[in-house]
Amino acid sequence: MDNASSSTNTPVPAPAKDRTRLWAGLSAAFFPVAFVGAVVLLLSSVQVSGCVTYGVECTRGLPWWLFPGSAGAAGVAFLVALAAPRPQVRRWALGAQLFAECTAIMVVLSYHPGLA
């Protein structure tokens, strides 16, 4: 029995599909939906709607400059996740994108302590 002939019959596993570009695109597509949902959730509370309407019981949340900073960082990470040639770089960029998007949504939700 020849060892060379037995080794050619073993199947070679196919490389795993890298779906980071898909997940980055879905995350970027659902970010505006999450933002609108957070604003609607926030405005549906009595305290925040009273603050917007009458200016009473207003609370300060996280600094508002964090929102454009986080949204901008998410946009840059999205572009890196789409354009990077190496899968490991795309995975890190996707993680950074998700973290930045969650931070931006938390800035919106932090204006009402009961929702954050």
Protein backbone atom coordinates (compact mmCIF):
# COMPACT_ATOMS: atom_id res chain seq x y z
CA MET A 1 0.00 0.00 0.00
CA ASP A 2 1.35 3.38 -1.03
CA ASN A 3 1.05 6.33 1.41
CA ALA A 4 1.07 8.87 -1.41
CA SER A 5 -2.09 7.47 -2.96
CA SER A 6 -4.00 7.45 0.34
CA SER A 7 -3.18 11.09 1.10
CA THR A 8 -4.62 12.37 -2.19
CA ASN A 9 -8.09 11.09 -1.31
CA THR A 10 -8.49 13.29 1.77
CA PRO A 11 -10.67 16.30 1.06
CA VAL A 12 -9.22 19.74 1.59
CA PRO A 13 -11.49 21.91 3.72
CA ALA A 14 -12.82 24.98 1.97
CA PRO A 15 -11.79 28.33 3.45
CA ALA A 16 -14.41 29.92 5.68
CA LYS A 17 -16.41 32.70 4.08
CA ASP A 18 -15.63 36.13 5.42
CA ARG A 19 -18.89 37.98 5.93
CA THR A 20 -17.52 41.05 7.68
CA ARG A 21 -18.41 43.28 4.73
CA LEU A 22 -22.00 42.03 4.87
CA TRP A 23 -22.25 42.64 8.61
CA ALA A 24 -20.63 46.05 8.29
CA GLY A 25 -23.16 47.01 5.63
CA LEU A 26 -26.10 45.74 7.66
CA SER A 27 -24.85 47.54 10.74
CA ALA A 28 -24.46 50.78 8.81
CA ALA A 29 -27.93 50.37 7.27
CA PHE A 30 -29.62 49.79 10.63
CA PHE A 31 -27.81 52.59 12.48
CA PRO A 32 -30.26 55.32 11.32
CA VAL A 33 -33.15 53.03 12.23
CA ALA A 34 -31.70 52.52 15.71
CA PHE A 35 -31.17 56.27 16.06
CA VAL A 36 -34.78 57.07 15.15
CA GLY A 37 -36.00 54.30 17.45
CA ALA A 38 -33.94 55.68 20.32
CA VAL A 39 -35.30 59.19 19.75
CA VAL A 40 -38.89 57.92 19.60
CA LEU A 41 -38.34 55.87 22.76
CA LEU A 42 -36.83 58.88 24.45
CA LEU A 43 -39.62 61.27 23.42
CA SER A 44 -42.31 58.82 24.52
CA SER A 45 -41.30 59.25 28.17
CA VAL A 46 -43.09 61.81 30.30
CA GLN A 47 -39.92 63.47 31.61
CA VAL A 48 -38.29 64.05 28.23
CA SER A 49 -41.48 65.16 26.49
CA GLY A 50 -42.06 67.60 29.38
CA CYS A 51 -38.51 68.85 28.99
CA VAL A 52 -38.93 69.36 25.23
CA THR A 53 -42.40 70.92 25.52
CA TYR A 54 -42.20 72.97 28.72
CA GLY A 55 -38.51 73.03 29.68
CA VAL A 56 -39.07 71.37 33.07
CA GLU A 57 -37.25 68.41 34.63
CA CYS A 58 -34.48 68.46 32.03
CA THR A 59 -31.53 66.18 32.76
CA ARG A 60 -28.08 66.32 31.26
CA GLY A 61 -26.70 63.14 29.80
CA LEU A 62 -23.39 62.38 28.17
CA PRO A 63 -21.72 65.27 26.33
CA TRP A 64 -23.50 65.81 23.02
CA TRP A 65 -20.21 66.13 21.09
CA LEU A 66 -19.78 62.38 21.62
CA PHE A 67 -22.58 61.68 19.14
CA PRO A 68 -21.01 63.19 16.00
CA GLY A 69 -17.62 61.88 17.09
CA SER A 70 -18.93 58.34 17.50
CA ALA A 71 -20.98 58.48 14.32
CA GLY A 72 -17.95 59.74 12.40
CA ALA A 73 -15.75 57.02 13.87
CA ALA A 74 -18.38 54.44 12.88
CA GLY A 75 -18.35 55.80 9.33
CA VAL A 76 -14.56 55.56 9.09
CA ALA A 77 -14.59 52.05 10.54
CA PHE A 78 -17.31 51.08 8.03
CA LEU A 79 -15.15 52.27 5.14
CA VAL A 80 -12.16 50.36 6.50
CA ALA A 81 -14.31 47.23 6.92
CA LEU A 82 -15.34 47.49 3.28
CA ALA A 83 -11.98 48.37 1.77
CA ALA A 84 -9.39 46.50 3.84
CA PRO A 85 -7.77 43.62 1.97
CA ARG A 86 -7.03 41.48 5.03
CA PRO A 87 -9.87 39.69 6.87
CA GLN A 88 -8.35 40.36 10.27
CA VAL A 89 -8.32 44.11 9.64
CA ARG A 90 -11.95 43.93 8.48
CA ARG A 91 -12.95 42.09 11.66
CA TRP A 92 -11.27 44.71 13.86
CA ALA A 93 -12.92 47.49 11.87
CA LEU A 94 -16.32 45.83 12.23
CA GLY A 95 -15.82 45.63 15.99
CA ALA A 96 -14.83 49.29 16.11
CA GLN A 97 -17.85 50.19 13.98
CA LEU A 98 -20.26 48.36 16.27
CA PHE A 99 -18.69 49.92 19.37
CA ALA A 100 -18.90 53.42 17.91
CA GLU A 101 -22.51 52.95 16.82
CA CYS A 102 -23.51 51.67 20.26
CA THR A 103 -21.75 54.64 21.86
CA ALA A 104 -23.66 57.07 19.64
CA ILE A 105 -27.00 55.44 20.52
CA MET A 106 -26.10 55.52 24.22
CA VAL A 107 -25.46 59.27 23.96
CA VAL A 108 -29.03 59.69 22.75
CA LEU A 109 -30.46 57.41 25.43
CA SER A 110 -28.43 59.00 28.22
CA TYR A 111 -30.59 62.11 28.23
CA HIS A 112 -33.09 60.15 30.29
CA PRO A 113 -31.59 58.20 33.19
CA GLY A 114 -34.40 55.66 33.23
CA LEU A 115 -33.65 54.46 29.70
CA ALA A 116 -29.85 54.33 29.68
